């Protein structure tokens, strides 16, 4: 549902931009009643189309379980640690006492497994729902700026078309900035969508991380 709402927001913004472009193109001949009828139909059909494009996702969810251990709070005391190392205890008693120090937790994660074909389809759908509305918004902004500049240039002939375009860019710069900001915010999702395979951590980074932890332990204990 979160993804449906996200895609729906982008497409509705694109529809508004397209309506704005048609309004500028037709001018006084723009039919507002027809526009409202079309808008009502789009609001009804668009969520169905978006849901239909990602309806397969819930069928690929799997439940993954794993266990972890954590030291019990009462065994954090240094005296208890020293008693376990006491030579008076037998090896079996030490192992039993050592094992009783930890409590086991069961964890469950919801993971998604796709075949290669479904992964390619998901990537296409992601790009389609994010890039196409961006292109619609960008084209709408450029069309409004250029069309308005041409009309002003035909009326105010003292200034060149280039001067009118620059003036319209300054007046309607928010129409260009908004889609660019939205694209910048969606770039991480597009990048992660292209990285479909798991990558093994670098041995150098793991070694450096372990050395850093080893150096910090004495400071933390102190």
N, C-alpha and C. Protein backbone atom coordinates (compact mmCIF):
# COMPACT_ATOMS: atom_id res chain seq x y z
N UNK A 1 0.82 -1.21 0.00
CA UNK A 1 0.00 0.00 0.00
C UNK A 1 0.85 1.26 0.00
N UNK A 2 1.98 1.19 0.72
CA UNK A 2 2.87 2.36 0.70
C UNK A 2 3.41 2.61 -0.70
N UNK A 3 3.76 1.55 -1.39
CA UNK A 3 4.27 1.72 -2.75
C UNK A 3 3.18 2.21 -3.69
N UNK A 4 1.96 1.72 -3.52
CA UNK A 4 0.85 2.19 -4.35
C UNK A 4 0.63 3.68 -4.14
N UNK A 5 0.65 4.12 -2.89
CA UNK A 5 0.46 5.55 -2.60
C UNK A 5 1.61 6.38 -3.18
N UNK A 6 2.83 5.85 -3.12
CA UNK A 6 3.97 6.58 -3.66
C UNK A 6 3.85 6.74 -5.17
N UNK A 7 3.53 5.64 -5.86
CA UNK A 7 3.36 5.72 -7.31
C UNK A 7 2.16 6.59 -7.69
N UNK A 8 1.09 6.48 -6.92
CA UNK A 8 -0.11 7.26 -7.20
C UNK A 8 0.17 8.75 -7.08
N UNK A 9 0.95 9.12 -6.08
CA UNK A 9 1.30 10.54 -5.91
C UNK A 9 2.06 11.06 -7.13
N UNK A 10 3.02 10.28 -7.61
CA UNK A 10 3.78 10.70 -8.79
C UNK A 10 2.92 10.84 -10.03
N UNK A 11 2.03 9.87 -10.24
CA UNK A 11 1.19 9.92 -11.43
C UNK A 11 0.15 11.05 -11.36
N UNK A 12 -0.38 11.30 -10.17
CA UNK A 12 -1.34 12.40 -10.05
C UNK A 12 -0.67 13.75 -10.31
N UNK A 13 0.57 13.91 -9.83
CA UNK A 13 1.31 15.13 -10.14
C UNK A 13 1.56 15.25 -11.64
N UNK A 14 1.84 14.13 -12.29
CA UNK A 14 2.04 14.14 -13.73
C UNK A 14 0.75 14.51 -14.46
N UNK A 15 -0.38 14.00 -13.98
CA UNK A 15 -1.67 14.34 -14.60
C UNK A 15 -1.98 15.83 -14.46
N UNK A 16 -1.67 16.37 -13.31
CA UNK A 16 -1.87 17.81 -13.12
C UNK A 16 -0.99 18.60 -14.08
N UNK A 17 0.25 18.15 -14.26
CA UNK A 17 1.15 18.84 -15.18
C UNK A 17 0.65 18.74 -16.61
N UNK A 18 0.13 17.57 -17.01
CA UNK A 18 -0.41 17.42 -18.36
C UNK A 18 -1.63 18.30 -18.56
N UNK A 19 -2.50 18.36 -17.55
CA UNK A 19 -3.67 19.24 -17.65
C UNK A 19 -3.24 20.70 -17.78
N UNK A 20 -2.21 21.08 -17.04
CA UNK A 20 -1.70 22.45 -17.13
C UNK A 20 -1.16 22.75 -18.53
N UNK A 21 -0.52 21.76 -19.12
CA UNK A 21 0.02 21.93 -20.47
C UNK A 21 -1.09 22.09 -21.50
N UNK A 22 -2.13 21.26 -21.39
CA UNK A 22 -3.26 21.36 -22.31
C UNK A 22 -3.97 22.69 -22.15
N UNK A 23 -4.06 23.17 -20.90
CA UNK A 23 -4.71 24.45 -20.65
C UNK A 23 -3.95 25.59 -21.32
N UNK A 24 -2.63 25.57 -21.23
CA UNK A 24 -1.83 26.60 -21.87
C UNK A 24 -1.91 26.49 -23.38
N UNK A 25 -1.97 25.23 -23.88
CA UNK A 25 -2.01 25.03 -25.33
C UNK A 25 -3.32 25.53 -25.95
N UNK A 26 -4.44 25.23 -25.30
CA UNK A 26 -5.73 25.61 -25.86
C UNK A 26 -6.16 27.01 -25.47
N UNK A 27 -5.65 27.52 -24.40
CA UNK A 27 -6.00 28.88 -24.00
C UNK A 27 -7.45 29.00 -23.59
N UNK A 28 -8.17 29.92 -24.21
CA UNK A 28 -9.57 30.16 -23.85
C UNK A 28 -10.48 29.03 -24.30
N UNK A 29 -10.00 28.17 -25.18
CA UNK A 29 -10.81 27.05 -25.68
C UNK A 29 -10.73 25.83 -24.76
N UNK A 30 -10.03 25.95 -23.66
CA UNK A 30 -9.89 24.83 -22.73
C UNK A 30 -11.23 24.54 -22.07
N UNK A 31 -11.67 23.28 -22.14
CA UNK A 31 -12.97 22.86 -21.60
C UNK A 31 -12.77 22.34 -20.17
N UNK A 32 -13.16 23.13 -19.19
CA UNK A 32 -12.98 22.74 -17.79
C UNK A 32 -13.90 21.61 -17.38
N UNK A 33 -15.12 21.57 -17.92
CA UNK A 33 -16.05 20.51 -17.56
C UNK A 33 -15.53 19.16 -18.04
N UNK A 34 -15.03 19.12 -19.26
CA UNK A 34 -14.46 17.88 -19.78
C UNK A 34 -13.23 17.47 -18.98
N UNK A 35 -12.44 18.45 -18.58
CA UNK A 35 -11.25 18.16 -17.78
C UNK A 35 -11.63 17.54 -16.44
N UNK A 36 -12.68 18.02 -15.81
CA UNK A 36 -13.13 17.45 -14.53
C UNK A 36 -13.63 16.02 -14.72
N UNK A 37 -14.35 15.76 -15.82
CA UNK A 37 -14.82 14.39 -16.07
C UNK A 37 -13.65 13.42 -16.26
N UNK A 38 -12.66 13.86 -17.02
CA UNK A 38 -11.49 13.03 -17.25
C UNK A 38 -10.74 12.79 -15.93
N UNK A 39 -10.66 13.84 -15.10
CA UNK A 39 -9.96 13.71 -13.82
C UNK A 39 -10.63 12.68 -12.92
N UNK A 40 -11.96 12.68 -12.90
CA UNK A 40 -12.68 11.70 -12.07
C UNK A 40 -12.40 10.28 -12.55
N UNK A 41 -12.38 10.06 -13.86
CA UNK A 41 -12.09 8.73 -14.38
C UNK A 41 -10.65 8.31 -14.08
N UNK A 42 -9.73 9.23 -14.20
CA UNK A 42 -8.32 8.91 -13.92
C UNK A 42 -8.14 8.53 -12.46
N UNK A 43 -8.79 9.26 -11.56
CA UNK A 43 -8.67 8.95 -10.13
C UNK A 43 -9.21 7.56 -9.82
N UNK A 44 -10.20 7.09 -10.57
CA UNK A 44 -10.76 5.76 -10.35
C UNK A 44 -9.89 4.67 -10.97
N UNK A 45 -9.38 4.92 -12.16
CA UNK A 45 -8.67 3.88 -12.91
C UNK A 45 -7.22 3.77 -12.50
N UNK A 46 -6.57 4.88 -12.19
CA UNK A 46 -5.13 4.88 -11.91
C UNK A 46 -4.74 3.95 -10.77
N UNK A 47 -5.43 3.96 -9.60
CA UNK A 47 -5.03 3.01 -8.54
C UNK A 47 -5.15 1.55 -8.97
N UNK A 48 -6.16 1.23 -9.78
CA UNK A 48 -6.32 -0.15 -10.24
C UNK A 48 -5.16 -0.55 -11.13
N UNK A 49 -4.74 0.34 -12.02
CA UNK A 49 -3.62 0.04 -12.91
C UNK A 49 -2.33 -0.15 -12.12
N UNK A 50 -2.09 0.72 -11.13
CA UNK A 50 -0.87 0.61 -10.32
C UNK A 50 -0.86 -0.68 -9.51
N UNK A 51 -1.99 -1.01 -8.89
CA UNK A 51 -2.07 -2.26 -8.11
C UNK A 51 -1.86 -3.46 -9.02
N UNK A 52 -2.42 -3.41 -10.23
CA UNK A 52 -2.26 -4.52 -11.16
C UNK A 52 -0.81 -4.72 -11.59
N UNK A 53 -0.02 -3.65 -11.60
CA UNK A 53 1.38 -3.77 -12.03
C UNK A 53 2.28 -4.36 -10.95
N UNK A 54 1.85 -4.33 -9.68
CA UNK A 54 2.69 -4.86 -8.59
C UNK A 54 1.95 -5.90 -7.75
N UNK A 55 0.86 -6.46 -8.30
CA UNK A 55 0.03 -7.40 -7.54
C UNK A 55 0.77 -8.70 -7.26
N UNK A 56 1.82 -8.99 -8.02
CA UNK A 56 2.55 -10.25 -7.86
C UNK A 56 3.45 -10.26 -6.64
N UNK A 57 3.79 -9.10 -6.08
CA UNK A 57 4.79 -9.03 -5.01
C UNK A 57 4.41 -9.83 -3.76
N UNK A 58 3.19 -9.75 -3.24
CA UNK A 58 2.88 -10.52 -2.01
C UNK A 58 3.05 -12.02 -2.17
N UNK A 59 2.99 -12.54 -3.40
CA UNK A 59 3.10 -13.98 -3.60
C UNK A 59 4.54 -14.47 -3.55
N UNK A 60 5.49 -13.56 -3.47
CA UNK A 60 6.90 -13.93 -3.41
C UNK A 60 7.50 -13.68 -2.04
N UNK A 61 6.68 -13.43 -1.03
CA UNK A 61 7.18 -13.21 0.32
C UNK A 61 7.40 -14.56 1.03
N UNK A 62 8.49 -14.65 1.75
CA UNK A 62 8.80 -15.85 2.52
C UNK A 62 9.20 -15.45 3.94
N UNK A 63 8.96 -16.37 4.88
CA UNK A 63 9.31 -16.13 6.28
C UNK A 63 10.63 -16.83 6.59
N UNK A 64 11.59 -16.05 7.06
CA UNK A 64 12.92 -16.57 7.37
C UNK A 64 13.17 -16.44 8.87
N UNK A 65 13.49 -17.57 9.54
CA UNK A 65 13.72 -17.55 10.98
C UNK A 65 15.15 -17.88 11.33
N UNK A 66 15.65 -17.26 12.38
CA UNK A 66 17.00 -17.55 12.87
C UNK A 66 17.04 -17.26 14.37
N UNK A 67 18.03 -17.84 15.04
CA UNK A 67 18.19 -17.66 16.48
C UNK A 67 19.43 -16.86 16.79
N UNK A 68 19.41 -16.19 17.92
CA UNK A 68 20.57 -15.43 18.40
C UNK A 68 20.66 -15.57 19.92
N UNK A 69 21.85 -15.36 20.44
CA UNK A 69 22.08 -15.47 21.87
C UNK A 69 22.55 -14.14 22.42
N UNK A 70 22.14 -13.89 23.66
CA UNK A 70 22.54 -12.65 24.33
C UNK A 70 22.89 -12.96 25.78
N UNK A 71 23.91 -12.32 26.27
CA UNK A 71 24.34 -12.52 27.64
C UNK A 71 23.28 -12.02 28.61
N UNK A 72 22.93 -12.84 29.58
CA UNK A 72 21.93 -12.45 30.56
C UNK A 72 22.45 -11.29 31.41
N UNK A 73 21.55 -10.39 31.82
CA UNK A 73 21.99 -9.22 32.60
C UNK A 73 22.72 -9.58 33.88
N UNK A 74 22.29 -10.64 34.53
CA UNK A 74 22.90 -10.98 35.82
C UNK A 74 24.32 -11.50 35.67
N UNK A 75 24.72 -11.88 34.45
CA UNK A 75 26.06 -12.40 34.23
C UNK A 75 27.03 -11.34 33.74
N UNK A 76 26.60 -10.11 33.74
CA UNK A 76 27.49 -9.04 33.35
C UNK A 76 28.44 -8.65 34.47
N UNK A 77 28.19 -9.18 35.65
CA UNK A 77 29.03 -8.85 36.80
C UNK A 77 30.39 -9.52 36.67
N UNK A 78 31.42 -8.80 36.95
CA UNK A 78 32.78 -9.33 36.85
C UNK A 78 33.02 -10.46 37.83
N UNK A 79 32.37 -10.43 39.00
CA UNK A 79 32.56 -11.49 39.99
C UNK A 79 32.06 -12.82 39.47
N UNK A 80 30.94 -12.82 38.74
CA UNK A 80 30.41 -14.05 38.18
C UNK A 80 31.37 -14.62 37.15
N UNK A 81 31.95 -13.75 36.34
CA UNK A 81 32.92 -14.21 35.35
C UNK A 81 34.13 -14.84 36.02
N UNK A 82 34.54 -14.29 37.14
CA UNK A 82 35.69 -14.85 37.85
C UNK A 82 35.35 -16.19 38.48
N UNK A 83 34.11 -16.37 38.93
CA UNK A 83 33.73 -17.62 39.57
C UNK A 83 33.68 -18.76 38.57
N UNK A 84 33.37 -18.44 37.31
CA UNK A 84 33.34 -19.46 36.28
C UNK A 84 34.74 -19.98 36.00
N UNK A 85 35.72 -19.13 36.15
CA UNK A 85 37.10 -19.50 35.89
C UNK A 85 37.77 -20.14 37.11
N UNK A 86 37.02 -20.36 38.16
CA UNK A 86 37.58 -20.95 39.38
C UNK A 86 38.05 -22.37 39.09
N UNK A 87 39.23 -22.72 39.56
CA UNK A 87 39.79 -24.04 39.32
C UNK A 87 39.06 -25.13 40.09
N UNK A 88 38.26 -24.75 41.10
CA UNK A 88 37.56 -25.76 41.89
C UNK A 88 36.42 -26.41 41.11
N UNK A 89 35.96 -25.75 40.04
CA UNK A 89 34.87 -26.30 39.25
C UNK A 89 35.40 -27.28 38.22
N UNK A 90 34.63 -28.33 37.96
CA UNK A 90 35.01 -29.29 36.93
C UNK A 90 34.77 -28.71 35.54
N UNK A 91 35.30 -29.38 34.55
CA UNK A 91 35.12 -28.90 33.17
C UNK A 91 33.65 -28.92 32.77
N UNK A 92 32.94 -29.98 33.15
CA UNK A 92 31.51 -30.05 32.82
C UNK A 92 30.73 -28.95 33.50
N UNK A 93 31.06 -28.69 34.76
CA UNK A 93 30.37 -27.63 35.49
C UNK A 93 30.65 -26.26 34.87
N UNK A 94 31.89 -26.07 34.43
CA UNK A 94 32.23 -24.80 33.78
C UNK A 94 31.46 -24.62 32.48
N UNK A 95 31.38 -25.71 31.68
CA UNK A 95 30.65 -25.62 30.42
C UNK A 95 29.16 -25.37 30.65
N UNK A 96 28.61 -26.06 31.67
CA UNK A 96 27.19 -25.86 31.98
C UNK A 96 26.92 -24.43 32.45
N UNK A 97 27.81 -23.92 33.31
CA UNK A 97 27.65 -22.56 33.81
C UNK A 97 27.85 -21.54 32.70
N UNK A 98 28.79 -21.86 31.80
CA UNK A 98 29.05 -20.95 30.68
C UNK A 98 27.84 -20.90 29.75
N UNK A 99 27.23 -22.07 29.50
CA UNK A 99 26.07 -22.12 28.61
C UNK A 99 24.86 -21.43 29.23
N UNK A 100 24.75 -21.49 30.56
CA UNK A 100 23.60 -20.86 31.21
C UNK A 100 23.70 -19.35 31.25
N UNK A 101 24.83 -18.82 30.85
CA UNK A 101 25.00 -17.36 30.85
C UNK A 101 24.19 -16.69 29.75
N UNK A 102 23.81 -17.45 28.72
CA UNK A 102 23.19 -16.86 27.55
C UNK A 102 21.73 -17.28 27.45
N UNK A 103 20.92 -16.37 26.90
CA UNK A 103 19.53 -16.67 26.61
C UNK A 103 19.32 -16.59 25.10
N UNK A 104 18.50 -17.48 24.58
CA UNK A 104 18.29 -17.62 23.15
C UNK A 104 17.02 -16.89 22.72
N UNK A 105 17.12 -16.20 21.60
CA UNK A 105 15.99 -15.47 21.04
C UNK A 105 15.72 -15.98 19.63
N UNK A 106 14.45 -16.07 19.30
CA UNK A 106 14.03 -16.49 17.96
C UNK A 106 13.58 -15.25 17.19
N UNK A 107 14.14 -15.07 16.00
CA UNK A 107 13.81 -13.91 15.16
C UNK A 107 13.22 -14.39 13.84
N UNK A 108 12.33 -13.58 13.28
CA UNK A 108 11.71 -13.88 12.00
C UNK A 108 11.77 -12.65 11.11
N UNK A 109 12.10 -12.87 9.87
CA UNK A 109 12.18 -11.81 8.89
C UNK A 109 11.33 -12.17 7.68
N UNK A 110 10.72 -11.16 7.09
CA UNK A 110 9.97 -11.36 5.85
C UNK A 110 10.89 -10.99 4.69
N UNK A 111 11.24 -11.97 3.88
CA UNK A 111 12.13 -11.74 2.75
C UNK A 111 11.38 -11.99 1.45
N UNK A 112 11.93 -11.45 0.37
CA UNK A 112 11.31 -11.57 -0.95
C UNK A 112 12.31 -12.24 -1.88
N UNK A 113 11.86 -13.28 -2.56
CA UNK A 113 12.70 -13.99 -3.52
C UNK A 113 12.04 -13.91 -4.89
N UNK A 114 12.78 -13.36 -5.86
CA UNK A 114 12.28 -13.24 -7.22
C UNK A 114 13.14 -14.07 -8.17
N UNK A 115 12.50 -14.58 -9.20
CA UNK A 115 13.25 -15.17 -10.29
C UNK A 115 13.86 -14.04 -11.13
N UNK A 116 14.74 -14.41 -12.04
CA UNK A 116 15.40 -13.39 -12.84
C UNK A 116 14.41 -12.60 -13.68
N UNK A 117 13.41 -13.29 -14.23
CA UNK A 117 12.41 -12.61 -15.05
C UNK A 117 11.58 -11.63 -14.24
N UNK A 118 11.18 -12.04 -13.03
CA UNK A 118 10.41 -11.14 -12.18
C UNK A 118 11.27 -9.97 -11.70
N UNK A 119 12.56 -10.22 -11.48
CA UNK A 119 13.44 -9.13 -11.07
C UNK A 119 13.55 -8.10 -12.18
N UNK A 120 13.67 -8.54 -13.41
CA UNK A 120 13.72 -7.60 -14.54
C UNK A 120 12.40 -6.85 -14.68
N UNK A 121 11.30 -7.56 -14.47
CA UNK A 121 9.99 -6.92 -14.55
C UNK A 121 9.83 -5.85 -13.47
N UNK A 122 10.27 -6.17 -12.24
CA UNK A 122 10.19 -5.20 -11.15
C UNK A 122 11.02 -3.96 -11.44
N UNK A 123 12.21 -4.17 -12.01
CA UNK A 123 13.06 -3.03 -12.36
C UNK A 123 12.39 -2.15 -13.41
N UNK A 124 11.78 -2.78 -14.41
CA UNK A 124 11.07 -2.04 -15.44
C UNK A 124 9.90 -1.25 -14.84
N UNK A 125 9.12 -1.90 -13.97
CA UNK A 125 7.97 -1.23 -13.36
C UNK A 125 8.43 -0.05 -12.51
N UNK A 126 9.52 -0.23 -11.77
CA UNK A 126 10.03 0.85 -10.93
C UNK A 126 10.43 2.05 -11.78
N UNK A 127 11.18 1.79 -12.85
CA UNK A 127 11.60 2.88 -13.73
C UNK A 127 10.39 3.53 -14.41
N UNK A 128 9.41 2.71 -14.79
CA UNK A 128 8.24 3.24 -15.47
C UNK A 128 7.44 4.17 -14.56
N UNK A 129 7.21 3.75 -13.32
CA UNK A 129 6.40 4.55 -12.40
C UNK A 129 7.14 5.79 -11.88
N UNK A 130 8.45 5.81 -11.97
CA UNK A 130 9.20 6.96 -11.47
C UNK A 130 9.69 7.89 -12.58
N UNK A 131 10.13 7.31 -13.69
CA UNK A 131 10.72 8.11 -14.76
C UNK A 131 9.65 8.77 -15.63
N UNK A 132 8.60 8.03 -15.99
CA UNK A 132 7.57 8.58 -16.88
C UNK A 132 6.88 9.81 -16.26
N UNK A 133 6.45 9.76 -14.98
CA UNK A 133 5.89 11.00 -14.39
C UNK A 133 6.90 12.14 -14.36
N UNK A 134 8.18 11.82 -14.13
CA UNK A 134 9.20 12.88 -14.14
C UNK A 134 9.31 13.52 -15.53
N UNK A 135 9.30 12.69 -16.57
CA UNK A 135 9.38 13.24 -17.93
C UNK A 135 8.15 14.09 -18.23
N UNK A 136 6.97 13.64 -17.78
CA UNK A 136 5.74 14.41 -18.01
C UNK A 136 5.81 15.76 -17.32
N UNK A 137 6.30 15.78 -16.08
CA UNK A 137 6.43 17.05 -15.36
C UNK A 137 7.46 17.97 -16.02
N UNK A 138 8.58 17.40 -16.43
CA UNK A 138 9.63 18.21 -17.05
C UNK A 138 9.17 18.76 -18.40
N UNK A 139 8.54 17.93 -19.22
CA UNK A 139 8.03 18.39 -20.51
C UNK A 139 6.98 19.47 -20.33
N UNK A 140 6.10 19.29 -19.36
CA UNK A 140 5.06 20.29 -19.09
C UNK A 140 5.67 21.64 -18.72
N UNK A 141 6.68 21.60 -17.86
CA UNK A 141 7.32 22.84 -17.44
C UNK A 141 7.98 23.55 -18.61
N UNK A 142 8.72 22.79 -19.43
CA UNK A 142 9.39 23.40 -20.58
C UNK A 142 8.39 23.93 -21.59
N UNK A 143 7.31 23.18 -21.81
CA UNK A 143 6.30 23.63 -22.77
C UNK A 143 5.64 24.93 -22.31
N UNK A 144 5.28 25.00 -21.04
CA UNK A 144 4.64 26.21 -20.52
C UNK A 144 5.56 27.41 -20.64
N UNK A 145 6.83 27.22 -20.30
CA UNK A 145 7.80 28.32 -20.36
C UNK A 145 7.99 28.80 -21.80
N UNK A 146 8.19 27.86 -22.73
CA UNK A 146 8.46 28.25 -24.12
C UNK A 146 7.20 28.81 -24.79
N UNK A 147 6.04 28.17 -24.55
CA UNK A 147 4.80 28.65 -25.17
C UNK A 147 4.43 30.04 -24.67
N UNK A 148 4.57 30.26 -23.37
CA UNK A 148 4.27 31.58 -22.81
C UNK A 148 5.25 32.62 -23.34
N UNK A 149 6.52 32.24 -23.49
CA UNK A 149 7.51 33.17 -24.02
C UNK A 149 7.21 33.54 -25.47
N UNK A 150 6.76 32.59 -26.26
CA UNK A 150 6.43 32.89 -27.64
C UNK A 150 5.24 33.84 -27.75
N UNK A 151 4.23 33.63 -26.91
CA UNK A 151 3.07 34.53 -26.93
C UNK A 151 3.48 35.94 -26.50
N UNK A 152 4.29 36.03 -25.46
CA UNK A 152 4.75 37.36 -25.02
C UNK A 152 5.62 38.01 -26.10
N UNK A 153 6.42 37.19 -26.78
CA UNK A 153 7.28 37.74 -27.82
C UNK A 153 6.48 38.28 -29.00
N UNK A 154 5.34 37.63 -29.31
CA UNK A 154 4.50 38.09 -30.41
C UNK A 154 3.82 39.41 -30.08
N UNK A 155 3.56 39.63 -28.79
CA UNK A 155 2.90 40.86 -28.36
C UNK A 155 3.91 41.95 -28.06
N UNK A 156 4.94 41.63 -27.32
CA UNK A 156 5.97 42.60 -26.94
C UNK A 156 7.19 42.39 -27.83
N UNK A 157 7.16 43.00 -28.97
CA UNK A 157 8.20 42.78 -29.97
C UNK A 157 9.51 43.49 -29.66
N UNK A 158 9.53 44.33 -28.66
CA UNK A 158 10.77 45.04 -28.33
C UNK A 158 11.83 44.10 -27.76
N UNK A 159 11.39 43.03 -27.15
CA UNK A 159 12.32 42.06 -26.58
C UNK A 159 12.39 40.83 -27.47
N UNK A 160 13.53 40.20 -27.47
CA UNK A 160 13.72 38.99 -28.26
C UNK A 160 13.07 37.79 -27.58
N UNK A 161 12.92 36.72 -28.38
CA UNK A 161 12.34 35.49 -27.82
C UNK A 161 13.22 34.94 -26.71
N UNK A 162 14.53 35.04 -26.87
CA UNK A 162 15.45 34.55 -25.86
C UNK A 162 15.26 35.29 -24.54
N UNK A 163 15.03 36.60 -24.62
CA UNK A 163 14.83 37.40 -23.41
C UNK A 163 13.53 36.98 -22.71
N UNK A 164 12.50 36.72 -23.50
CA UNK A 164 11.23 36.29 -22.91
C UNK A 164 11.37 34.91 -22.27
N UNK A 165 12.12 34.02 -22.92
CA UNK A 165 12.32 32.68 -22.36
C UNK A 165 13.05 32.77 -21.02
N UNK A 166 14.08 33.62 -20.96
CA UNK A 166 14.83 33.78 -19.71
C UNK A 166 13.93 34.34 -18.62
N UNK A 167 13.07 35.27 -18.98
CA UNK A 167 12.15 35.87 -18.00
C UNK A 167 11.15 34.82 -17.50
N UNK A 168 10.64 33.99 -18.42
CA UNK A 168 9.70 32.95 -18.01
C UNK A 168 10.38 31.86 -17.17
N UNK A 169 11.64 31.60 -17.47
CA UNK A 169 12.38 30.66 -16.65
C UNK A 169 12.51 31.16 -15.22
N UNK A 170 12.71 32.46 -15.07
CA UNK A 170 12.82 33.02 -13.73
C UNK A 170 11.48 33.02 -13.01
N UNK A 171 10.39 33.26 -13.75
CA UNK A 171 9.07 33.31 -13.13
C UNK A 171 8.54 31.92 -12.79
N UNK A 172 8.87 30.93 -13.62
CA UNK A 172 8.32 29.58 -13.43
C UNK A 172 9.42 28.58 -13.10
N UNK A 173 10.46 29.03 -12.43
CA UNK A 173 11.56 28.12 -12.12
C UNK A 173 11.13 26.99 -11.18
N UNK A 174 10.07 27.21 -10.38
CA UNK A 174 9.62 26.15 -9.49
C UNK A 174 9.08 24.96 -10.26
N UNK A 175 8.60 25.19 -11.50
CA UNK A 175 8.11 24.09 -12.32
C UNK A 175 9.23 23.16 -12.75
N UNK A 176 10.45 23.69 -12.85
CA UNK A 176 11.61 22.87 -13.21
C UNK A 176 12.30 22.29 -11.98
N UNK A 177 12.32 23.07 -10.90
CA UNK A 177 13.03 22.62 -9.70
C UNK A 177 12.32 21.44 -9.05
N UNK A 178 10.99 21.47 -9.01
CA UNK A 178 10.23 20.40 -8.34
C UNK A 178 10.49 19.02 -8.93
N UNK A 179 10.36 18.82 -10.26
CA UNK A 179 10.63 17.47 -10.78
C UNK A 179 12.09 17.05 -10.63
N UNK A 180 13.02 18.02 -10.67
CA UNK A 180 14.43 17.67 -10.48
C UNK A 180 14.70 17.20 -9.05
N UNK A 181 14.06 17.84 -8.09
CA UNK A 181 14.22 17.41 -6.69
C UNK A 181 13.61 16.02 -6.49
N UNK A 182 12.45 15.79 -7.08
CA UNK A 182 11.81 14.47 -6.96
C UNK A 182 12.67 13.39 -7.60
N UNK A 183 13.30 13.71 -8.74
CA UNK A 183 14.18 12.73 -9.37
C UNK A 183 15.39 12.45 -8.50
N UNK A 184 15.96 13.49 -7.89
CA UNK A 184 17.13 13.30 -7.01
C UNK A 184 16.77 12.42 -5.81
N UNK A 185 15.55 12.57 -5.29
CA UNK A 185 15.13 11.76 -4.15
C UNK A 185 14.88 10.30 -4.52
N UNK A 186 14.52 10.06 -5.78
CA UNK A 186 14.25 8.69 -6.21
C UNK A 186 15.48 7.99 -6.78
N UNK A 187 16.56 8.71 -6.98
CA UNK A 187 17.77 8.09 -7.53
C UNK A 187 18.28 6.93 -6.68
N UNK A 188 18.31 7.03 -5.33
CA UNK A 188 18.75 5.87 -4.55
C UNK A 188 17.92 4.63 -4.80
N UNK A 189 16.60 4.77 -4.95
CA UNK A 189 15.76 3.62 -5.22
C UNK A 189 16.08 3.02 -6.59
N UNK A 190 16.36 3.88 -7.57
CA UNK A 190 16.70 3.38 -8.89
C UNK A 190 18.03 2.65 -8.88
N UNK A 191 18.99 3.16 -8.11
CA UNK A 191 20.30 2.54 -8.03
C UNK A 191 20.21 1.19 -7.34
N UNK A 192 19.49 1.13 -6.21
CA UNK A 192 19.35 -0.14 -5.49
C UNK A 192 18.57 -1.17 -6.30
N UNK A 193 17.67 -0.68 -7.16
CA UNK A 193 16.91 -1.62 -8.00
C UNK A 193 17.82 -2.32 -9.01
N UNK A 194 18.88 -1.64 -9.43
CA UNK A 194 19.81 -2.24 -10.38
C UNK A 194 20.78 -3.19 -9.71
N UNK A 195 20.94 -3.06 -8.38
CA UNK A 195 21.84 -3.96 -7.64
C UNK A 195 20.98 -5.08 -7.07
N UNK A 196 20.78 -6.12 -7.83
CA UNK A 196 19.87 -7.20 -7.42
C UNK A 196 20.57 -8.35 -6.73
N UNK A 197 21.89 -8.45 -6.87
CA UNK A 197 22.62 -9.57 -6.29
C UNK A 197 23.29 -9.16 -5.00
N UNK A 198 23.45 -10.12 -4.06
CA UNK A 198 24.15 -9.88 -2.82
C UNK A 198 25.65 -9.86 -3.08
N UNK A 199 26.34 -8.95 -2.43
CA UNK A 199 27.78 -8.81 -2.62
C UNK A 199 28.47 -9.18 -1.31
N UNK A 200 29.50 -10.04 -1.38
CA UNK A 200 30.25 -10.42 -0.20
C UNK A 200 31.04 -9.22 0.34
N UNK A 201 31.04 -9.04 1.65
CA UNK A 201 31.80 -7.92 2.22
C UNK A 201 33.29 -8.05 1.94
N UNK A 202 33.93 -6.93 1.79
CA UNK A 202 35.37 -6.93 1.51
C UNK A 202 36.15 -7.44 2.71
N UNK A 203 37.15 -8.29 2.45
CA UNK A 203 37.98 -8.82 3.52
C UNK A 203 38.76 -7.72 4.21
N UNK A 204 39.21 -6.72 3.43
CA UNK A 204 39.96 -5.60 4.01
C UNK A 204 39.10 -4.81 4.99
N UNK A 205 37.84 -4.56 4.61
CA UNK A 205 36.95 -3.80 5.48
C UNK A 205 36.61 -4.60 6.74
N UNK A 206 36.40 -5.92 6.59
CA UNK A 206 36.12 -6.75 7.76
C UNK A 206 37.31 -6.77 8.71
N UNK A 207 38.53 -6.88 8.16
CA UNK A 207 39.72 -6.90 8.99
C UNK A 207 39.90 -5.57 9.72
N UNK A 208 39.69 -4.47 9.00
CA UNK A 208 39.82 -3.14 9.62
C UNK A 208 38.77 -2.94 10.69
N UNK A 209 37.54 -3.43 10.45
CA UNK A 209 36.47 -3.30 11.44
C UNK A 209 36.81 -4.07 12.71
N UNK A 210 37.31 -5.30 12.57
CA UNK A 210 37.68 -6.09 13.75
C UNK A 210 38.81 -5.43 14.53
N UNK A 211 39.80 -4.87 13.83
CA UNK A 211 40.89 -4.19 14.51
C UNK A 211 40.39 -2.96 15.27
N UNK A 212 39.45 -2.25 14.68
CA UNK A 212 38.89 -1.07 15.35
C UNK A 212 38.14 -1.45 16.61
N UNK A 213 37.35 -2.53 16.53
CA UNK A 213 36.61 -3.00 17.71
C UNK A 213 37.58 -3.43 18.80
N UNK A 214 38.66 -4.11 18.43
CA UNK A 214 39.66 -4.57 19.41
C UNK A 214 40.32 -3.40 20.12
N UNK A 215 40.58 -2.33 19.39
CA UNK A 215 41.21 -1.16 19.99
C UNK A 215 40.27 -0.42 20.93
N UNK A 216 38.98 -0.43 20.62
CA UNK A 216 38.02 0.31 21.42
C UNK A 216 37.58 -0.43 22.67
N UNK A 217 37.69 -1.74 22.69
CA UNK A 217 37.24 -2.53 23.85
C UNK A 217 37.91 -2.13 25.15
N UNK A 218 39.26 -2.00 25.18
CA UNK A 218 39.89 -1.60 26.46
C UNK A 218 39.40 -0.23 26.95
N UNK A 219 39.15 0.69 26.04
CA UNK A 219 38.67 2.01 26.45
C UNK A 219 37.28 1.94 27.03
N UNK A 220 36.44 1.11 26.40
CA UNK A 220 35.06 0.97 26.91
C UNK A 220 35.05 0.34 28.29
N UNK A 221 35.86 -0.72 28.51
CA UNK A 221 35.90 -1.37 29.81
C UNK A 221 36.45 -0.43 30.87
N UNK A 222 37.45 0.38 30.46
CA UNK A 222 38.02 1.31 31.43
C UNK A 222 37.02 2.41 31.82
